[in-house]
All heavy atoms as atom14 arrays in JSON, in Angstrom:
{
  "sequence": "LIIGPITAACGVAVPKMSGRGLGHTGGTIDKLESINGYRTELPFDE",
  "atom14_mask": [
    [1, 1, 1, 1, 1, 1, 1, 1, 0, 0, 0, 0, 0, 0],
    [1, 1, 1, 1, 1, 1, 1, 1, 0, 0, 0, 0, 0, 0],
    [1, 1, 1, 1, 1, 1, 1, 1, 0, 0, 0, 0, 0, 0],
    [1, 1, 1, 1, 0, 0, 0, 0, 0, 0, 0, 0, 0, 0],
    [1, 1, 1, 1, 1, 1, 1, 0, 0, 0, 0, 0, 0, 0],
    [1, 1, 1, 1, 1, 1, 1, 1, 0, 0, 0, 0, 0, 0],
    [1, 1, 1, 1, 1, 1, 1, 0, 0, 0, 0, 0, 0, 0],
    [1, 1, 1, 1, 1, 0, 0, 0, 0, 0, 0, 0, 0, 0],
    [1, 1, 1, 1, 1, 0, 0, 0, 0, 0, 0, 0, 0, 0],
    [1, 1, 1, 1, 1, 1, 0, 0, 0, 0, 0, 0, 0, 0],
    [1, 1, 1, 1, 0, 0, 0, 0, 0, 0, 0, 0, 0, 0],
    [1, 1, 1, 1, 1, 1, 1, 0, 0, 0, 0, 0, 0, 0],
    [1, 1, 1, 1, 1, 0, 0, 0, 0, 0, 0, 0, 0, 0],
    [1, 1, 1, 1, 1, 1, 1, 0, 0, 0, 0, 0, 0, 0],
    [1, 1, 1, 1, 1, 1, 1, 0, 0, 0, 0, 0, 0, 0],
    [1, 1, 1, 1, 1, 1, 1, 1, 1, 0, 0, 0, 0, 0],
    [1, 1, 1, 1, 1, 1, 1, 1, 0, 0, 0, 0, 0, 0],
    [1, 1, 1, 1, 1, 1, 0, 0, 0, 0, 0, 0, 0, 0],
    [1, 1, 1, 1, 0, 0, 0, 0, 0, 0, 0, 0, 0, 0],
    [1, 1, 1, 1, 1, 1, 1, 1, 1, 1, 1, 0, 0, 0],
    [1, 1, 1, 1, 0, 0, 0, 0, 0, 0, 0, 0, 0, 0],
    [1, 1, 1, 1, 1, 1, 1, 1, 0, 0, 0, 0, 0, 0],
    [1, 1, 1, 1, 0, 0, 0, 0, 0, 0, 0, 0, 0, 0],
    [1, 1, 1, 1, 1, 1, 1, 1, 1, 1, 0, 0, 0, 0],
    [1, 1, 1, 1, 1, 1, 1, 0, 0, 0, 0, 0, 0, 0],
    [1, 1, 1, 1, 0, 0, 0, 0, 0, 0, 0, 0, 0, 0],
    [1, 1, 1, 1, 0, 0, 0, 0, 0, 0, 0, 0, 0, 0],
    [1, 1, 1, 1, 1, 1, 1, 0, 0, 0, 0, 0, 0, 0],
    [1, 1, 1, 1, 1, 1, 1, 1, 0, 0, 0, 0, 0, 0],
    [1, 1, 1, 1, 1, 1, 1, 1, 0, 0, 0, 0, 0, 0],
    [1, 1, 1, 1, 1, 1, 1, 1, 1, 0, 0, 0, 0, 0],
    [1, 1, 1, 1, 1, 1, 1, 1, 0, 0, 0, 0, 0, 0],
    [1, 1, 1, 1, 1, 1, 1, 1, 1, 0, 0, 0, 0, 0],
    [1, 1, 1, 1, 1, 1, 0, 0, 0, 0, 0, 0, 0, 0],
    [1, 1, 1, 1, 1, 1, 1, 1, 0, 0, 0, 0, 0, 0],
    [1, 1, 1, 1, 1, 1, 1, 1, 0, 0, 0, 0, 0, 0],
    [1, 1, 1, 1, 0, 0, 0, 0, 0, 0, 0, 0, 0, 0],
    [1, 1, 1, 1, 1, 1, 1, 1, 1, 1, 1, 1, 0, 0],
    [1, 1, 1, 1, 1, 1, 1, 1, 1, 1, 1, 0, 0, 0],
    [1, 1, 1, 1, 1, 1, 1, 0, 0, 0, 0, 0, 0, 0],
    [1, 1, 1, 1, 1, 1, 1, 1, 1, 0, 0, 0, 0, 0],
    [1, 1, 1, 1, 1, 1, 1, 1, 0, 0, 0, 0, 0, 0],
    [1, 1, 1, 1, 1, 1, 1, 0, 0, 0, 0, 0, 0, 0],
    [1, 1, 1, 1, 1, 1, 1, 1, 1, 1, 1, 0, 0, 0],
    [1, 1, 1, 1, 1, 1, 1, 1, 0, 0, 0, 0, 0, 0],
    [1, 1, 1, 1, 1, 1, 1, 1, 1, 0, 0, 0, 0, 0]
  ],
  "atom14_positions": [
    [[0.82, -1.21, 0.0], [0.0, 0.0, 0.0], [0.86, 1.26, 0.0], [0.36, 2.34, -0.32], [-0.9, 0.03, 1.23], [-1.83, -1.17, 1.45], [-2.68, -0.96, 2.7], [-2.71, -1.41, 0.24], [0.0, 0.0, 0.0], [0.0, 0.0, 0.0], [0.0, 0.0, 0.0], [0.0, 0.0, 0.0], [0.0, 0.0, 0.0], [0.0, 0.0, 0.0]],
    [[2.12, 1.12, 0.37], [3.01, 2.27, 0.5], [3.98, 2.36, -0.67], [4.13, 3.42, -1.29], [3.79, 2.18, 1.83], [2.81, 2.16, 3.01], [4.8, 3.32, 1.96], [3.44, 1.76, 4.33], [0.0, 0.0, 0.0], [0.0, 0.0, 0.0], [0.0, 0.0, 0.0], [0.0, 0.0, 0.0], [0.0, 0.0, 0.0], [0.0, 0.0, 0.0]],
    [[4.62, 1.25, -1.0], [5.66, 1.3, -2.02], [5.09, 1.42, -3.43], [5.74, 1.98, -4.32], [6.62, 0.1, -1.94], [5.9, -1.2, -2.27], [7.27, 0.03, -0.58], [6.81, -2.41, -2.3], [0.0, 0.0, 0.0], [0.0, 0.0, 0.0], [0.0, 0.0, 0.0], [0.0, 0.0, 0.0], [0.0, 0.0, 0.0], [0.0, 0.0, 0.0]],
    [[3.86, 0.95, -3.64], [3.22, 1.12, -4.95], [3.07, 2.59, -5.3], [3.54, 3.04, -6.36], [0.0, 0.0, 0.0], [0.0, 0.0, 0.0], [0.0, 0.0, 0.0], [0.0, 0.0, 0.0], [0.0, 0.0, 0.0], [0.0, 0.0, 0.0], [0.0, 0.0, 0.0], [0.0, 0.0, 0.0], [0.0, 0.0, 0.0], [0.0, 0.0, 0.0]],
    [[2.44, 3.39, -4.43], [2.33, 4.83, -4.71], [3.68, 5.54, -4.79], [3.85, 6.44, -5.62], [1.52, 5.34, -3.51], [0.7, 4.18, -3.08], [1.59, 2.97, -3.31], [0.0, 0.0, 0.0], [0.0, 0.0, 0.0], [0.0, 0.0, 0.0], [0.0, 0.0, 0.0], [0.0, 0.0, 0.0], [0.0, 0.0, 0.0], [0.0, 0.0, 0.0]],
    [[4.64, 5.16, -3.95], [5.96, 5.8, -4.0], [6.61, 5.55, -5.35], [7.1, 6.48, -6.02], [6.88, 5.27, -2.87], [6.38, 5.75, -1.5], [8.31, 5.74, -3.09], [7.16, 5.15, -0.32], [0.0, 0.0, 0.0], [0.0, 0.0, 0.0], [0.0, 0.0, 0.0], [0.0, 0.0, 0.0], [0.0, 0.0, 0.0], [0.0, 0.0, 0.0]],
    [[6.62, 4.29, -5.78], [7.28, 3.93, -7.04], [6.56, 4.57, -8.23], [7.21, 5.07, -9.16], [7.32, 2.39, -7.19], [7.94, 1.83, -6.03], [8.1, 1.97, -8.41], [0.0, 0.0, 0.0], [0.0, 0.0, 0.0], [0.0, 0.0, 0.0], [0.0, 0.0, 0.0], [0.0, 0.0, 0.0], [0.0, 0.0, 0.0], [0.0, 0.0, 0.0]],
    [[5.23, 4.56, -8.21], [4.46, 5.17, -9.3], [4.7, 6.67, -9.37], [4.77, 7.24, -10.47], [2.97, 4.88, -9.1], [0.0, 0.0, 0.0], [0.0, 0.0, 0.0], [0.0, 0.0, 0.0], [0.0, 0.0, 0.0], [0.0, 0.0, 0.0], [0.0, 0.0, 0.0], [0.0, 0.0, 0.0], [0.0, 0.0, 0.0], [0.0, 0.0, 0.0]],
    [[4.84, 7.33, -8.21], [5.1, 8.77, -8.18], [6.45, 9.11, -8.81], [6.68, 10.25, -9.22], [5.05, 9.28, -6.74], [0.0, 0.0, 0.0], [0.0, 0.0, 0.0], [0.0, 0.0, 0.0], [0.0, 0.0, 0.0], [0.0, 0.0, 0.0], [0.0, 0.0, 0.0], [0.0, 0.0, 0.0], [0.0, 0.0, 0.0], [0.0, 0.0, 0.0]],
    [[7.33, 8.11, -8.91], [8.66, 8.3, -9.51], [8.69, 7.87, -10.97], [9.78, 7.79, -11.58], [9.7, 7.53, -8.71], [9.91, 8.1, -7.0], [0.0, 0.0, 0.0], [0.0, 0.0, 0.0], [0.0, 0.0, 0.0], [0.0, 0.0, 0.0], [0.0, 0.0, 0.0], [0.0, 0.0, 0.0], [0.0, 0.0, 0.0], [0.0, 0.0, 0.0]],
    [[7.53, 7.57, -11.56], [7.46, 7.3, -12.99], [7.56, 5.86, -13.41], [7.82, 5.57, -14.58], [0.0, 0.0, 0.0], [0.0, 0.0, 0.0], [0.0, 0.0, 0.0], [0.0, 0.0, 0.0], [0.0, 0.0, 0.0], [0.0, 0.0, 0.0], [0.0, 0.0, 0.0], [0.0, 0.0, 0.0], [0.0, 0.0, 0.0], [0.0, 0.0, 0.0]],
    [[7.35, 4.92, -12.48], [7.38, 3.49, -12.82], [6.01, 2.9, -12.49], [5.5, 3.08, -11.38], [8.48, 2.76, -12.02], [8.41, 1.26, -12.28], [9.85, 3.29, -12.4], [0.0, 0.0, 0.0], [0.0, 0.0, 0.0], [0.0, 0.0, 0.0], [0.0, 0.0, 0.0], [0.0, 0.0, 0.0], [0.0, 0.0, 0.0], [0.0, 0.0, 0.0]],
    [[5.4, 2.2, -13.44], [4.06, 1.66, -13.24], [4.1, 0.4, -12.38], [4.97, -0.45, -12.55], [3.41, 1.34, -14.59], [0.0, 0.0, 0.0], [0.0, 0.0, 0.0], [0.0, 0.0, 0.0], [0.0, 0.0, 0.0], [0.0, 0.0, 0.0], [0.0, 0.0, 0.0], [0.0, 0.0, 0.0], [0.0, 0.0, 0.0], [0.0, 0.0, 0.0]],
    [[3.15, 0.3, -11.45], [3.08, -0.84, -10.53], [1.7, -1.5, -10.63], [0.78, -1.17, -9.89], [3.36, -0.4, -9.07], [3.42, -1.63, -8.15], [4.66, 0.39, -8.98], [0.0, 0.0, 0.0], [0.0, 0.0, 0.0], [0.0, 0.0, 0.0], [0.0, 0.0, 0.0], [0.0, 0.0, 0.0], [0.0, 0.0, 0.0], [0.0, 0.0, 0.0]],
    [[1.53, -2.43, -11.58], [0.28, -3.21, -11.65], [0.43, -4.44, -10.76], [1.43, -5.15, -10.83], [0.2, -3.6, -13.13], [1.6, -3.56, -13.63], [2.43, -2.74, -12.68], [0.0, 0.0, 0.0], [0.0, 0.0, 0.0], [0.0, 0.0, 0.0], [0.0, 0.0, 0.0], [0.0, 0.0, 0.0], [0.0, 0.0, 0.0], [0.0, 0.0, 0.0]],
    [[-0.56, -4.7, -9.93], [-0.38, -5.77, -8.95], [-1.7, -6.5, -8.71], [-2.75, -5.89, -8.57], [0.13, -5.17, -7.64], [0.48, -6.2, -6.58], [1.28, -5.57, -5.45], [1.55, -6.58, -4.35], [2.21, -7.8, -4.81], [0.0, 0.0, 0.0], [0.0, 0.0, 0.0], [0.0, 0.0, 0.0], [0.0, 0.0, 0.0], [0.0, 0.0, 0.0]],
    [[-1.6, -7.83, -8.65], [-2.71, -8.67, -8.2], [-2.32, -9.28, -6.88], [-1.2, -9.78, -6.73], [-3.04, -9.76, -9.22], [-3.72, -9.27, -10.46], [-4.3, -10.64, -11.51], [-5.04, -9.71, -12.86], [0.0, 0.0, 0.0], [0.0, 0.0, 0.0], [0.0, 0.0, 0.0], [0.0, 0.0, 0.0], [0.0, 0.0, 0.0], [0.0, 0.0, 0.0]],
    [[-3.21, -9.24, -5.9], [-2.91, -9.74, -4.56], [-4.03, -10.65, -4.08], [-5.1, -10.73, -4.69], [-2.73, -8.57, -3.59], [-1.57, -7.83, -3.9], [0.0, 0.0, 0.0], [0.0, 0.0, 0.0], [0.0, 0.0, 0.0], [0.0, 0.0, 0.0], [0.0, 0.0, 0.0], [0.0, 0.0, 0.0], [0.0, 0.0, 0.0], [0.0, 0.0, 0.0]],
    [[-3.76, -11.3, -2.95], [-4.72, -12.25, -2.4], [-5.29, -11.81, -1.07], [-4.93, -10.77, -0.52], [0.0, 0.0, 0.0], [0.0, 0.0, 0.0], [0.0, 0.0, 0.0], [0.0, 0.0, 0.0], [0.0, 0.0, 0.0], [0.0, 0.0, 0.0], [0.0, 0.0, 0.0], [0.0, 0.0, 0.0], [0.0, 0.0, 0.0], [0.0, 0.0, 0.0]],
    [[-6.16, -12.65, -0.55], [-6.75, -12.42, 0.77], [-5.91, -13.15, 1.82], [-5.14, -14.05, 1.51], [-8.19, -12.91, 0.8], [-9.05, -12.24, -0.25], [-10.5, -12.68, -0.21], [-11.21, -12.17, -1.37], [-11.68, -10.94, -1.48], [-11.51, -10.1, -0.47], [-12.3, -10.54, -2.56], [0.0, 0.0, 0.0], [0.0, 0.0, 0.0], [0.0, 0.0, 0.0]],
    [[-6.07, -12.73, 3.06], [-5.3, -13.32, 4.14], [-5.85, -14.67, 4.57], [-7.04, -14.94, 4.47], [0.0, 0.0, 0.0], [0.0, 0.0, 0.0], [0.0, 0.0, 0.0], [0.0, 0.0, 0.0], [0.0, 0.0, 0.0], [0.0, 0.0, 0.0], [0.0, 0.0, 0.0], [0.0, 0.0, 0.0], [0.0, 0.0, 0.0], [0.0, 0.0, 0.0]],
    [[-4.94, -15.53, 5.05], [-5.33, -16.81, 5.63], [-4.35, -17.11, 6.76], [-3.14, -17.04, 6.58], [-5.28, -17.92, 4.58], [-5.83, -19.29, 5.0], [-7.32, -19.19, 5.33], [-5.61, -20.33, 3.91], [0.0, 0.0, 0.0], [0.0, 0.0, 0.0], [0.0, 0.0, 0.0], [0.0, 0.0, 0.0], [0.0, 0.0, 0.0], [0.0, 0.0, 0.0]],
    [[-4.89, -17.39, 7.95], [-4.03, -17.62, 9.1], [-3.59, -16.3, 9.72], [-4.31, -15.31, 9.7], [0.0, 0.0, 0.0], [0.0, 0.0, 0.0], [0.0, 0.0, 0.0], [0.0, 0.0, 0.0], [0.0, 0.0, 0.0], [0.0, 0.0, 0.0], [0.0, 0.0, 0.0], [0.0, 0.0, 0.0], [0.0, 0.0, 0.0], [0.0, 0.0, 0.0]],
    [[-2.36, -16.3, 10.27], [-1.92, -15.15, 11.05], [-1.38, -14.0, 10.2], [-1.1, -12.93, 10.74], [-0.84, -15.59, 12.06], [0.47, -15.91, 11.43], [0.73, -17.13, 10.83], [1.61, -15.19, 11.31], [1.97, -17.12, 10.39], [2.53, -15.97, 10.66], [0.0, 0.0, 0.0], [0.0, 0.0, 0.0], [0.0, 0.0, 0.0], [0.0, 0.0, 0.0]],
    [[-1.21, -14.19, 8.88], [-0.73, -13.1, 8.03], [-1.9, -12.48, 7.28], [-2.78, -13.18, 6.8], [0.33, -13.6, 7.02], [-0.25, -14.61, 6.2], [1.53, -14.16, 7.75], [0.0, 0.0, 0.0], [0.0, 0.0, 0.0], [0.0, 0.0, 0.0], [0.0, 0.0, 0.0], [0.0, 0.0, 0.0], [0.0, 0.0, 0.0], [0.0, 0.0, 0.0]],
    [[-1.88, -11.17, 7.17], [-2.98, -10.46, 6.52], [-2.85, -10.46, 5.01], [-1.78, -10.7, 4.45], [0.0, 0.0, 0.0], [0.0, 0.0, 0.0], [0.0, 0.0, 0.0], [0.0, 0.0, 0.0], [0.0, 0.0, 0.0], [0.0, 0.0, 0.0], [0.0, 0.0, 0.0], [0.0, 0.0, 0.0], [0.0, 0.0, 0.0], [0.0, 0.0, 0.0]],
    [[-3.96, -10.17, 4.33], [-3.97, -10.1, 2.88], [-4.19, -8.67, 2.4], [-5.0, -7.94, 2.98], [0.0, 0.0, 0.0], [0.0, 0.0, 0.0], [0.0, 0.0, 0.0], [0.0, 0.0, 0.0], [0.0, 0.0, 0.0], [0.0, 0.0, 0.0], [0.0, 0.0, 0.0], [0.0, 0.0, 0.0], [0.0, 0.0, 0.0], [0.0, 0.0, 0.0]],
    [[-3.47, -8.28, 1.35], [-3.57, -6.9, 0.85], [-4.99, -6.59, 0.39], [-5.48, -5.47, 0.59], [-2.57, -6.7, -0.31], [-1.25, -6.94, 0.18], [-2.65, -5.3, -0.85], [0.0, 0.0, 0.0], [0.0, 0.0, 0.0], [0.0, 0.0, 0.0], [0.0, 0.0, 0.0], [0.0, 0.0, 0.0], [0.0, 0.0, 0.0], [0.0, 0.0, 0.0]],
    [[-5.67, -7.55, -0.23], [-7.04, -7.31, -0.7], [-7.97, -7.02, 0.48], [-8.83, -6.13, 0.41], [-7.55, -8.5, -1.54], [-6.75, -8.6, -2.84], [-9.04, -8.37, -1.83], [-6.84, -7.38, -3.73], [0.0, 0.0, 0.0], [0.0, 0.0, 0.0], [0.0, 0.0, 0.0], [0.0, 0.0, 0.0], [0.0, 0.0, 0.0], [0.0, 0.0, 0.0]],
    [[-7.83, -7.73, 1.58], [-8.64, -7.45, 2.77], [-8.4, -6.04, 3.29], [-9.34, -5.35, 3.71], [-8.34, -8.46, 3.88], [-8.7, -9.88, 3.5], [-9.79, -10.06, 2.91], [-7.92, -10.8, 3.79], [0.0, 0.0, 0.0], [0.0, 0.0, 0.0], [0.0, 0.0, 0.0], [0.0, 0.0, 0.0], [0.0, 0.0, 0.0], [0.0, 0.0, 0.0]],
    [[-7.16, -5.6, 3.27], [-6.84, -4.26, 3.72], [-7.54, -3.23, 2.84], [-8.17, -2.28, 3.34], [-5.33, -4.04, 3.71], [-4.53, -5.02, 4.56], [-3.05, -4.69, 4.55], [-2.16, -5.9, 4.78], [-2.39, -6.65, 5.98], [0.0, 0.0, 0.0], [0.0, 0.0, 0.0], [0.0, 0.0, 0.0], [0.0, 0.0, 0.0], [0.0, 0.0, 0.0]],
    [[-7.44, -3.4, 1.52], [-8.06, -2.44, 0.6], [-9.58, -2.45, 0.73], [-10.22, -1.4, 0.62], [-7.65, -2.76, -0.83], [-6.19, -2.45, -1.17], [-5.8, -3.06, -2.51], [-5.95, -0.94, -1.2], [0.0, 0.0, 0.0], [0.0, 0.0, 0.0], [0.0, 0.0, 0.0], [0.0, 0.0, 0.0], [0.0, 0.0, 0.0], [0.0, 0.0, 0.0]],
    [[-10.16, -3.62, 0.96], [-11.62, -3.7, 1.08], [-12.14, -3.13, 2.39], [-13.36, -2.99, 2.57], [-12.08, -5.14, 0.9], [-11.97, -5.61, -0.56], [-12.46, -7.02, -0.78], [-12.66, -7.75, 0.22], [-12.64, -7.42, -1.95], [0.0, 0.0, 0.0], [0.0, 0.0, 0.0], [0.0, 0.0, 0.0], [0.0, 0.0, 0.0], [0.0, 0.0, 0.0]],
    [[-11.25, -2.74, 3.31], [-11.69, -2.04, 4.51], [-11.95, -0.56, 4.21], [-12.48, 0.16, 5.06], [-10.64, -2.17, 5.63], [-9.47, -1.46, 5.33], [0.0, 0.0, 0.0], [0.0, 0.0, 0.0], [0.0, 0.0, 0.0], [0.0, 0.0, 0.0], [0.0, 0.0, 0.0], [0.0, 0.0, 0.0], [0.0, 0.0, 0.0], [0.0, 0.0, 0.0]],
    [[-11.57, -0.11, 3.02], [-11.87, 1.26, 2.58], [-13.27, 1.25, 1.99], [-13.58, 0.46, 1.08], [-10.86, 1.72, 1.51], [-9.43, 1.69, 2.06], [-11.22, 3.12, 1.02], [-8.36, 1.9, 1.0], [0.0, 0.0, 0.0], [0.0, 0.0, 0.0], [0.0, 0.0, 0.0], [0.0, 0.0, 0.0], [0.0, 0.0, 0.0], [0.0, 0.0, 0.0]],
    [[-14.15, 2.1, 2.49], [-15.54, 2.13, 2.02], [-15.59, 2.32, 0.5], [-15.02, 3.27, -0.05], [-16.3, 3.28, 2.69], [-16.59, 2.99, 4.15], [-16.76, 1.84, 4.55], [-16.64, 4.03, 4.97], [0.0, 0.0, 0.0], [0.0, 0.0, 0.0], [0.0, 0.0, 0.0], [0.0, 0.0, 0.0], [0.0, 0.0, 0.0], [0.0, 0.0, 0.0]],
    [[-16.27, 1.38, -0.17], [-16.51, 1.48, -1.61], [-15.41, 0.94, -2.5], [-15.63, 0.81, -3.72], [0.0, 0.0, 0.0], [0.0, 0.0, 0.0], [0.0, 0.0, 0.0], [0.0, 0.0, 0.0], [0.0, 0.0, 0.0], [0.0, 0.0, 0.0], [0.0, 0.0, 0.0], [0.0, 0.0, 0.0], [0.0, 0.0, 0.0], [0.0, 0.0, 0.0]],
    [[-14.25, 0.61, -1.95], [-13.13, 0.19, -2.79], [-13.43, -1.14, -3.47], [-13.77, -2.12, -2.83], [-11.85, 0.07, -1.95], [-10.59, -0.07, -2.78], [-9.75, 1.02, -2.98], [-10.22, -1.29, -3.35], [-8.59, 0.9, -3.73], [-9.07, -1.42, -4.11], [-8.26, -0.32, -4.3], [-7.12, -0.43, -5.04], [0.0, 0.0, 0.0], [0.0, 0.0, 0.0]],
    [[-13.3, -1.17, -4.81], [-13.57, -2.37, -5.59], [-12.24, -3.06, -5.92], [-11.35, -2.45, -6.5], [-14.29, -2.03, -6.89], [-15.67, -1.4, -6.7], [-16.25, -0.91, -8.03], [-15.4, 0.11, -8.62], [-15.05, 0.15, -9.92], [-15.47, -0.78, -10.75], [-14.27, 1.12, -10.38], [0.0, 0.0, 0.0], [0.0, 0.0, 0.0], [0.0, 0.0, 0.0]],
    [[-12.13, -4.32, -5.55], [-10.91, -5.08, -5.85], [-11.07, -6.0, -7.05], [-10.07, -6.49, -7.58], [-10.48, -5.92, -4.63], [-11.53, -6.84, -4.31], [-10.19, -5.04, -3.43], [0.0, 0.0, 0.0], [0.0, 0.0, 0.0], [0.0, 0.0, 0.0], [0.0, 0.0, 0.0], [0.0, 0.0, 0.0], [0.0, 0.0, 0.0], [0.0, 0.0, 0.0]],
    [[-12.29, -6.24, -7.48], [-12.53, -7.09, -8.65], [-12.92, -6.2, -9.82], [-14.05, -5.71, -9.89], [-13.62, -8.12, -8.34], [-13.22, -9.12, -7.26], [-14.24, -10.22, -7.05], [-15.18, -10.31, -7.88], [-14.1, -10.98, -6.07], [0.0, 0.0, 0.0], [0.0, 0.0, 0.0], [0.0, 0.0, 0.0], [0.0, 0.0, 0.0], [0.0, 0.0, 0.0]],
    [[-11.96, -5.98, -10.71], [-12.18, -5.1, -11.85], [-11.9, -5.85, -13.15], [-11.04, -6.74, -13.19], [-11.23, -3.89, -11.79], [-11.33, -2.94, -10.61], [-10.3, -1.83, -10.78], [-12.72, -2.36, -10.49], [0.0, 0.0, 0.0], [0.0, 0.0, 0.0], [0.0, 0.0, 0.0], [0.0, 0.0, 0.0], [0.0, 0.0, 0.0], [0.0, 0.0, 0.0]],
    [[-12.59, -5.48, -14.24], [-12.21, -6.02, -15.55], [-10.78, -5.6, -15.88], [-10.31, -4.53, -15.44], [-13.21, -5.36, -16.51], [-14.33, -4.87, -15.65], [-13.73, -4.56, -14.31], [0.0, 0.0, 0.0], [0.0, 0.0, 0.0], [0.0, 0.0, 0.0], [0.0, 0.0, 0.0], [0.0, 0.0, 0.0], [0.0, 0.0, 0.0], [0.0, 0.0, 0.0]],
    [[-10.09, -6.42, -16.64], [-8.68, -6.14, -16.95], [-8.51, -4.79, -17.63], [-7.55, -4.06, -17.35], [-8.1, -7.27, -17.81], [-6.66, -7.08, -18.15], [-5.68, -7.2, -17.17], [-6.27, -6.77, -19.44], [-4.34, -7.02, -17.47], [-4.93, -6.59, -19.76], [-3.97, -6.72, -18.76], [0.0, 0.0, 0.0], [0.0, 0.0, 0.0], [0.0, 0.0, 0.0]],
    [[-9.45, -4.43, -18.52], [-9.34, -3.15, -19.23], [-9.39, -1.97, -18.26], [-8.65, -0.99, -18.42], [-10.46, -3.01, -20.27], [-10.25, -3.94, -21.46], [-9.15, -4.49, -21.59], [-11.2, -4.11, -22.26], [0.0, 0.0, 0.0], [0.0, 0.0, 0.0], [0.0, 0.0, 0.0], [0.0, 0.0, 0.0], [0.0, 0.0, 0.0], [0.0, 0.0, 0.0]],
    [[-10.26, -2.05, -17.26], [-10.35, -0.97, -16.28], [-9.09, -0.92, -15.42], [-8.6, 0.17, -15.07], [-11.6, -1.15, -15.4], [-11.85, 0.03, -14.47], [-13.15, -0.09, -13.69], [-13.92, -1.06, -13.92], [-13.41, 0.79, -12.84], [0.0, 0.0, 0.0], [0.0, 0.0, 0.0], [0.0, 0.0, 0.0], [0.0, 0.0, 0.0], [0.0, 0.0, 0.0]]
  ]
}
């Protein structure tokens, strides 16, 4: 959630697919879905 925006701000594109958490480690998709309205399932074109 931090290095993607930093790297993109420096002119390098960061496309990423992530998973949900299982067990004691968290998942990036779960973190993003805690933001009201954030959609994690998008068509590839979007």
